[in-house]
Structure formats: C-alpha cells, structure tokens
Amino acid sequence: MSKDTTPEVCIVESLSLFDEENRKEGEIISRTLRMAGMRPHYSYVRTREEFEAFVSEFGESDYRYLHISCHGSRDSFSLTTEAIPTEEFAAILVPHVRNRRVFLSTCLATNSRLAAELLPDSGCYSILGPKSSIEFGDSAIFWTAFYHLRFKARREAMKRQEIIETATKCANLIDQQFRLFYLENGNLTKEVLGDTGAGPIKVVA
C-alpha cells in the first residue's frame, strides 16, 4: 500500500568544514519556504551514519519531497567527513523514496549513473539537479525561486510537466542547465532543462 504524503520539503545538508559557516544553502531554502507558509524540515548532518538515519526517518515521515544539498562529483556524494560512491548513495535512498521526488543541489552528481541505480527499484517519481558545476549563489537562487513559484502556483502536488516548466524558467534565470530523470513506459528518460536554444531536450538515458 502506498504511503500517504503531504506536499512539503524535507531538506538535508552536508558541507565541508570551511563551508559550514556561510554557505548553508539548505537553511536559506528552509527559511524561504517558511516565509511562504510552508512547513519544511531541515537537518544538517556530517557523517554517513547520520545521513542514513536521516533518510530512514524521511521514509517513515509524510514528507513528499527530499532535497539533498552537498558537494558532489560524477561518481560520488561528499558529506562533511566522507564521500559516498554513487551506487552506495543510491542504495541508501532506494528503500525510502517510493512515491516521492528527489531534488539534488550538488555539482555533477545528477547523472544517468545515479538515475539507473535509483529509479528502477525505488518507486521514486523523479530526480532533478544541476547538469554540471554550479556556484552556491546560483544554486540558492534557483532552488528558492523553483520552490516559491511551484508552490505559489499549486501546493497540492508537483506534476512532471509543471516541474519541467518551472525548472526551465529558473535555470534560464541563472544561465545554467538542469537534468530531470524519470521512468516512462519502463525506460529511463532524461530531459535537459534551461538554455538549450530549443526548449527541453528529451532522450532515453
């Protein structure tokens, strides 16, 4: 039986020690959502053990959207104290994101490798994140604008086409591209959003 969820954002953040003081983007997003009358949850973690505990609690909660803010690369996600390889990171998420959407504020990690490990077995609806490296300021502007516009238009749910339209608008605002991954008719599908010159580019990933 599917778990009932509410359209609220659960944010987990982990940064390097030097970035912790001034670059907590997830905290900014949380405050902005509260200003708009939402009820986000924000947690800051440093270790893999803490991250795993957080994700497990998210799975037991009624939050629908998981926002992860951390450093990343094409093959790993970096917490304060350690890096987690992409395959292991996906394995941590798989049991806990059924009927949810995952939003990644992390450089380079939103790729076909992660999507192939996460989407087929988890029941997760989609993954959205930047295509390449992104500055802290640009990322904070994108995500606060994305959530604000999306929930201002409709709080009850996020449909795929609504995500595409809003993410494209916000990506163009900061001159960046984002990737949206989802399953369509059993196929892993990718859309590149923002600054493509021809609208969203859709391909089988």
C-alpha atoms as a PDB file:
ATOM      1  CA  MET A   1       0.000   0.000   0.000  1.00  0.00           C
ATOM      2  CA  SER A   2       1.305   3.453  -0.912  1.00  0.00           C
ATOM      3  CA  LYS A   3       2.165   5.733   1.979  1.00  0.00           C
ATOM      4  CA  ASP A   4       0.144   8.938   2.192  1.00  0.00           C
ATOM      5  CA  THR A   5       2.379  12.003   1.950  1.00  0.00           C
ATOM      6  CA  THR A   6       1.969  15.750   2.194  1.00  0.00           C
ATOM      7  CA  PRO A   7       3.467  18.212  -0.340  1.00  0.00           C
ATOM      8  CA  GLU A   8       6.235  19.512   1.917  1.00  0.00           C
ATOM      9  CA  VAL A   9      10.030  19.612   1.504  1.00  0.00           C
ATOM     10  CA  CYS A  10      12.434  17.723   3.748  1.00  0.00           C
ATOM     11  CA  ILE A  11      15.958  19.163   3.440  1.00  0.00           C
ATOM     12  CA  VAL A  12      19.232  17.518   4.427  1.00  0.00           C
ATOM     13  CA  GLU A  13      22.535  19.338   4.052  1.00  0.00           C
ATOM     14  CA  SER A  14      26.207  18.435   4.489  1.00  0.00           C
ATOM     15  CA  LEU A  15      29.157  20.665   3.599  1.00  0.00           C
ATOM     16  CA  SER A  16      32.898  20.832   4.087  1.00  0.00           C
ATOM     17  CA  LEU A  17      34.067  22.292   7.384  1.00  0.00           C
ATOM     18  CA  PHE A  18      35.174  25.530   5.698  1.00  0.00           C
ATOM     19  CA  ASP A  19      31.766  25.964   4.013  1.00  0.00           C
ATOM     20  CA  GLU A  20      29.596  25.328   7.063  1.00  0.00           C
ATOM     21  CA  GLU A  21      29.628  28.841   8.484  1.00  0.00           C
ATOM     22  CA  ASN A  22      28.484  30.885   5.495  1.00  0.00           C
ATOM     23  CA  ARG A  23      27.175  28.586   2.765  1.00  0.00           C
ATOM     24  CA  LYS A  24      24.238  26.662   4.187  1.00  0.00           C
ATOM     25  CA  GLU A  25      22.018  26.878   1.133  1.00  0.00           C
ATOM     26  CA  GLY A  26      19.549  24.351   2.530  1.00  0.00           C
ATOM     27  CA  GLU A  27      18.985  26.563   5.553  1.00  0.00           C
ATOM     28  CA  ILE A  28      18.216  29.509   3.245  1.00  0.00           C
ATOM     29  CA  ILE A  29      15.715  27.411   1.285  1.00  0.00           C
ATOM     30  CA  SER A  30      14.061  26.270   4.506  1.00  0.00           C
ATOM     31  CA  ARG A  31      13.650  29.843   5.779  1.00  0.00           C
ATOM     32  CA  THR A  32      12.241  30.980   2.428  1.00  0.00           C
ATOM     33  CA  LEU A  33       9.687  28.166   2.406  1.00  0.00           C
ATOM     34  CA  ARG A  34       8.601  29.075   5.944  1.00  0.00           C
ATOM     35  CA  MET A  35       8.118  32.692   4.854  1.00  0.00           C
ATOM     36  CA  ALA A  36       5.733  31.370   2.203  1.00  0.00           C
ATOM     37  CA  GLY A  37       3.692  29.471   4.786  1.00  0.00           C
ATOM     38  CA  MET A  38       5.156  26.011   4.132  1.00  0.00           C
ATOM     39  CA  ARG A  39       6.343  23.556   6.803  1.00  0.00           C
ATOM     40  CA  PRO A  40       9.774  22.333   5.631  1.00  0.00           C
ATOM     41  CA  HIS A  41      12.045  20.214   7.783  1.00  0.00           C
ATOM     42  CA  TYR A  42      15.777  20.993   7.795  1.00  0.00           C
ATOM     43  CA  SER A  43      18.600  18.805   9.132  1.00  0.00           C
ATOM     44  CA  TYR A  44      22.354  19.225   8.942  1.00  0.00           C
ATOM     45  CA  VAL A  45      24.467  16.060   9.013  1.00  0.00           C
ATOM     46  CA  ARG A  46      28.196  15.378   8.878  1.00  0.00           C
ATOM     47  CA  THR A  47      28.621  11.607   8.700  1.00  0.00           C
ATOM     48  CA  ARG A  48      27.335   8.715   6.634  1.00  0.00           C
ATOM     49  CA  GLU A  49      25.715   7.233   9.734  1.00  0.00           C
ATOM     50  CA  GLU A  50      23.788  10.452  10.346  1.00  0.00           C
ATOM     51  CA  PHE A  51      22.775  10.658   6.674  1.00  0.00           C
ATOM     52  CA  GLU A  52      21.480   7.082   6.679  1.00  0.00           C
ATOM     53  CA  ALA A  53      19.489   7.759   9.857  1.00  0.00           C
ATOM     54  CA  PHE A  54      18.012  10.903   8.311  1.00  0.00           C
ATOM     55  CA  VAL A  55      16.967   9.143   5.096  1.00  0.00           C
ATOM     56  CA  SER A  56      15.349   6.343   7.092  1.00  0.00           C
ATOM     57  CA  GLU A  57      13.344   8.858   9.120  1.00  0.00           C
ATOM     58  CA  PHE A  58      12.360  10.647   5.906  1.00  0.00           C
ATOM     59  CA  GLY A  59      10.992   7.359   4.581  1.00  0.00           C
ATOM     60  CA  GLU A  60       8.873   6.975   7.705  1.00  0.00           C
ATOM     61  CA  SER A  61       7.650  10.569   7.570  1.00  0.00           C
ATOM     62  CA  ASP A  62       4.840  12.024   5.490  1.00  0.00           C
ATOM     63  CA  TYR A  63       7.122  14.446   3.612  1.00  0.00           C
ATOM     64  CA  ARG A  64       6.833  14.068  -0.166  1.00  0.00           C
ATOM     65  CA  TYR A  65       9.936  15.903  -1.421  1.00  0.00           C
ATOM     66  CA  LEU A  66      13.537  15.134  -0.448  1.00  0.00           C
ATOM     67  CA  HIS A  67      16.058  17.926  -1.049  1.00  0.00           C
ATOM     68  CA  ILE A  68      19.728  16.992  -0.656  1.00  0.00           C
ATOM     69  CA  SER A  69      22.364  19.730  -0.552  1.00  0.00           C
ATOM     70  CA  CYS A  70      26.024  18.672  -0.580  1.00  0.00           C
ATOM     71  CA  HIS A  71      29.180  18.661  -2.668  1.00  0.00           C
ATOM     72  CA  GLY A  72      29.359  16.051  -5.394  1.00  0.00           C
ATOM     73  CA  SER A  73      31.132  14.648  -8.416  1.00  0.00           C
ATOM     74  CA  ARG A  74      30.245  12.354 -11.289  1.00  0.00           C
ATOM     75  CA  ASP A  75      30.824   9.274  -9.140  1.00  0.00           C
ATOM     76  CA  SER A  76      30.253  10.285  -5.515  1.00  0.00           C
ATOM     77  CA  PHE A  77      28.464  12.492  -2.994  1.00  0.00           C
ATOM     78  CA  SER A  78      30.539  14.250  -0.336  1.00  0.00           C
ATOM     79  CA  LEU A  79      29.441  14.641   3.265  1.00  0.00           C
ATOM     80  CA  THR A  80      31.493  16.614   5.779  1.00  0.00           C
ATOM     81  CA  THR A  81      33.588  13.644   6.884  1.00  0.00           C
ATOM     82  CA  GLU A  82      33.491  11.256   3.918  1.00  0.00           C
ATOM     83  CA  ALA A  83      32.445  10.655   0.334  1.00  0.00           C
ATOM     84  CA  ILE A  84      29.822   8.075  -0.616  1.00  0.00           C
ATOM     85  CA  PRO A  85      30.125   6.392  -4.045  1.00  0.00           C
ATOM     86  CA  THR A  86      27.128   6.914  -6.308  1.00  0.00           C
ATOM     87  CA  GLU A  87      25.982   3.292  -6.185  1.00  0.00           C
ATOM     88  CA  GLU A  88      26.073   3.231  -2.394  1.00  0.00           C
ATOM     89  CA  PHE A  89      24.341   6.600  -2.173  1.00  0.00           C
ATOM     90  CA  ALA A  90      21.510   5.312  -4.376  1.00  0.00           C
ATOM     91  CA  ALA A  91      21.262   2.134  -2.289  1.00  0.00           C
ATOM     92  CA  ILE A  92      20.766   4.251   0.849  1.00  0.00           C
ATOM     93  CA  LEU A  93      17.865   6.105  -0.813  1.00  0.00           C
ATOM     94  CA  VAL A  94      16.128   3.208  -2.603  1.00  0.00           C
ATOM     95  CA  PRO A  95      14.065   1.829   0.327  1.00  0.00           C
ATOM     96  CA  HIS A  96      12.845   5.260   1.396  1.00  0.00           C
ATOM     97  CA  VAL A  97      11.768   7.313  -1.643  1.00  0.00           C
ATOM     98  CA  ARG A  98       8.775   5.410  -3.062  1.00  0.00           C
ATOM     99  CA  ASN A  99       6.183   7.833  -4.457  1.00  0.00           C
ATOM    100  CA  ARG A 100       8.490  10.743  -3.639  1.00  0.00           C
ATOM    101  CA  ARG A 101      10.562  13.160  -5.691  1.00  0.00           C
ATOM    102  CA  VAL A 102      14.273  13.795  -5.093  1.00  0.00           C
ATOM    103  CA  PHE A 103      15.895  17.197  -5.664  1.00  0.00           C
ATOM    104  CA  LEU A 104      19.695  17.356  -5.702  1.00  0.00           C
ATOM    105  CA  SER A 105      21.631  20.539  -5.052  1.00  0.00           C
ATOM    106  CA  THR A 106      25.040  19.091  -5.819  1.00  0.00           C
ATOM    107  CA  CYS A 107      27.536  19.529  -8.622  1.00  0.00           C
ATOM    108  CA  LEU A 108      27.791  16.904 -11.386  1.00  0.00           C
ATOM    109  CA  ALA A 109      26.058  14.076  -9.488  1.00  0.00           C
ATOM    110  CA  THR A 110      22.654  14.249 -11.200  1.00  0.00           C
ATOM    111  CA  ASN A 111      23.546  11.846 -13.996  1.00  0.00           C
ATOM    112  CA  SER A 112      22.474   8.654 -15.734  1.00  0.00           C
ATOM    113  CA  ARG A 113      24.606   6.544 -13.425  1.00  0.00           C
ATOM    114  CA  LEU A 114      22.696   7.682 -10.348  1.00  0.00           C
ATOM    115  CA  ALA A 115      19.320   7.515 -12.097  1.00  0.00           C
ATOM    116  CA  ALA A 116      19.923   3.944 -13.280  1.00  0.00           C
ATOM    117  CA  GLU A 117      20.771   2.872  -9.732  1.00  0.00           C
ATOM    118  CA  LEU A 118      17.918   4.724  -8.026  1.00  0.00           C
ATOM    119  CA  LEU A 119      14.804   4.937 -10.189  1.00  0.00           C
ATOM    120  CA  PRO A 120      14.035   1.374 -11.402  1.00  0.00           C
ATOM    121  CA  ASP A 121      13.779  -0.271  -7.973  1.00  0.00           C
ATOM    122  CA  SER A 122      12.755   2.556  -5.661  1.00  0.00           C
ATOM    123  CA  GLY A 123       9.406   3.765  -6.964  1.00  0.00           C
ATOM    124  CA  CYS A 124      10.802   7.317  -6.882  1.00  0.00           C
ATOM    125  CA  TYR A 125       8.972   9.546  -9.356  1.00  0.00           C
ATOM    126  CA  SER A 126      11.901  11.708 -10.490  1.00  0.00           C
ATOM    127  CA  ILE A 127      15.305  13.244  -9.792  1.00  0.00           C
ATOM    128  CA  LEU A 128      16.100  16.896 -10.580  1.00  0.00           C
ATOM    129  CA  GLY A 129      19.506  18.526 -10.220  1.00  0.00           C
ATOM    130  CA  PRO A 130      22.131  20.659 -11.988  1.00  0.00           C
ATOM    131  CA  LYS A 131      23.847  19.237 -15.048  1.00  0.00           C
ATOM    132  CA  SER A 132      27.333  20.481 -14.156  1.00  0.00           C
ATOM    133  CA  SER A 133      29.167  22.501 -11.518  1.00  0.00           C
ATOM    134  CA  ILE A 134      27.167  25.345 -10.033  1.00  0.00           C
ATOM    135  CA  GLU A 135      28.060  28.245  -7.737  1.00  0.00           C
ATOM    136  CA  PHE A 136      26.499  28.471  -4.281  1.00  0.00           C
ATOM    137  CA  GLY A 137      24.762  31.742  -5.118  1.00  0.00           C
ATOM    138  CA  ASP A 138      23.267  30.451  -8.366  1.00  0.00           C
ATOM    139  CA  SER A 139      22.105  27.281  -6.659  1.00  0.00           C
ATOM    140  CA  ALA A 140      20.416  29.169  -3.822  1.00  0.00           C
ATOM    141  CA  ILE A 141      18.648  31.460  -6.304  1.00  0.00           C
ATOM    142  CA  PHE A 142      17.488  28.518  -8.429  1.00  0.00           C
ATOM    143  CA  TRP A 143      16.042  26.429  -5.605  1.00  0.00           C
ATOM    144  CA  THR A 144      14.363  29.246  -3.689  1.00  0.00           C
ATOM    145  CA  ALA A 145      12.785  30.511  -6.923  1.00  0.00           C
ATOM    146  CA  PHE A 146      11.811  26.998  -8.035  1.00  0.00           C
ATOM    147  CA  TYR A 147      10.027  26.077  -4.811  1.00  0.00           C
ATOM    148  CA  HIS A 148       8.461  29.518  -4.432  1.00  0.00           C
ATOM    149  CA  LEU A 149       6.999  29.542  -7.945  1.00  0.00           C
ATOM    150  CA  ARG A 150       5.953  25.919  -7.845  1.00  0.00           C
ATOM    151  CA  PHE A 151       4.098  26.135  -4.530  1.00  0.00           C
ATOM    152  CA  LYS A 152       2.677  29.568  -5.327  1.00  0.00           C
ATOM    153  CA  ALA A 153       1.054  28.110  -8.431  1.00  0.00           C
ATOM    154  CA  ARG A 154      -0.199  24.927  -6.734  1.00  0.00           C
ATOM    155  CA  ARG A 155       0.646  23.425  -3.356  1.00  0.00           C
ATOM    156  CA  GLU A 156      -1.212  20.131  -3.631  1.00  0.00           C
ATOM    157  CA  ALA A 157       1.219  18.340  -5.953  1.00  0.00           C
ATOM    158  CA  MET A 158       4.025  18.681  -8.500  1.00  0.00           C
ATOM    159  CA  LYS A 159       3.297  17.167 -11.871  1.00  0.00           C
ATOM    160  CA  ARG A 160       6.184  16.367 -14.197  1.00  0.00           C
ATOM    161  CA  GLN A 161       5.274  18.997 -16.782  1.00  0.00           C
ATOM    162  CA  GLU A 162       4.951  21.617 -14.045  1.00  0.00           C
ATOM    163  CA  ILE A 163       8.446  20.748 -12.807  1.00  0.00           C
ATOM    164  CA  ILE A 164       9.820  20.986 -16.348  1.00  0.00           C
ATOM    165  CA  GLU A 165       8.277  24.390 -16.981  1.00  0.00           C
ATOM    166  CA  THR A 166       9.307  25.896 -13.636  1.00  0.00           C
ATOM    167  CA  ALA A 167      12.810  24.412 -13.623  1.00  0.00           C
ATOM    168  CA  THR A 168      13.411  25.642 -17.176  1.00  0.00           C
ATOM    169  CA  LYS A 169      12.372  29.163 -16.224  1.00  0.00           C
ATOM    170  CA  CYS A 170      14.603  29.188 -13.129  1.00  0.00           C
ATOM    171  CA  ALA A 171      17.553  27.575 -14.935  1.00  0.00           C
ATOM    172  CA  ASN A 172      17.421  30.262 -17.605  1.00  0.00           C
ATOM    173  CA  LEU A 173      17.402  32.890 -14.868  1.00  0.00           C
ATOM    174  CA  ILE A 174      20.883  31.795 -13.717  1.00  0.00           C
ATOM    175  CA  ASP A 175      22.133  30.657 -17.158  1.00  0.00           C
ATOM    176  CA  GLN A 176      22.517  27.015 -16.138  1.00  0.00           C
ATOM    177  CA  GLN A 177      21.185  23.654 -17.278  1.00  0.00           C
ATOM    178  CA  PHE A 178      19.451  21.070 -15.120  1.00  0.00           C
ATOM    179  CA  ARG A 179      18.631  17.401 -15.650  1.00  0.00           C
ATOM    180  CA  LEU A 180      15.345  15.697 -14.863  1.00  0.00           C
ATOM    181  CA  PHE A 181      15.338  11.889 -14.775  1.00  0.00           C
ATOM    182  CA  TYR A 182      12.245   9.684 -14.610  1.00  0.00           C
ATOM    183  CA  LEU A 183      10.873   6.384 -15.881  1.00  0.00           C
ATOM    184  CA  GLU A 184       8.492   6.500 -18.841  1.00  0.00           C
ATOM    185  CA  ASN A 185       6.996   3.249 -20.127  1.00  0.00           C
ATOM    186  CA  GLY A 186       9.755   1.405 -18.307  1.00  0.00           C
ATOM    187  CA  ASN A 187      12.516   3.426 -19.945  1.00  0.00           C
ATOM    188  CA  LEU A 188      14.921   5.650 -18.057  1.00  0.00           C
ATOM    189  CA  THR A 189      14.328   9.093 -19.548  1.00  0.00           C
ATOM    190  CA  LYS A 190      16.327  12.317 -19.239  1.00  0.00           C
ATOM    191  CA  GLU A 191      15.303  15.881 -20.012  1.00  0.00           C
ATOM    192  CA  VAL A 192      17.835  18.707 -20.177  1.00  0.00           C
ATOM    193  CA  LEU A 193      16.229  21.928 -18.995  1.00  0.00           C
ATOM    194  CA  GLY A 194      17.354  25.506 -19.491  1.00  0.00           C
ATOM    195  CA  ASP A 195      19.382  27.400 -22.088  1.00  0.00           C
ATOM    196  CA  THR A 196      19.179  24.703 -24.763  1.00  0.00           C
ATOM    197  CA  GLY A 197      18.009  27.022 -27.515  1.00  0.00           C
ATOM    198  CA  ALA A 198      15.193  24.660 -28.432  1.00  0.00           C
ATOM    199  CA  GLY A 199      13.332  24.057 -25.195  1.00  0.00           C
ATOM    200  CA  PRO A 200      13.704  20.913 -23.067  1.00  0.00           C
ATOM    201  CA  ILE A 201      15.717  18.139 -24.735  1.00  0.00           C
ATOM    202  CA  LYS A 202      14.237  14.702 -24.033  1.00  0.00           C
ATOM    203  CA  VAL A 203      16.195  11.473 -24.600  1.00  0.00           C
ATOM    204  CA  VAL A 204      16.182   7.887 -23.378  1.00  0.00           C
ATOM    205  CA  ALA A 205      19.030   7.961 -20.867  1.00  0.00           C
END
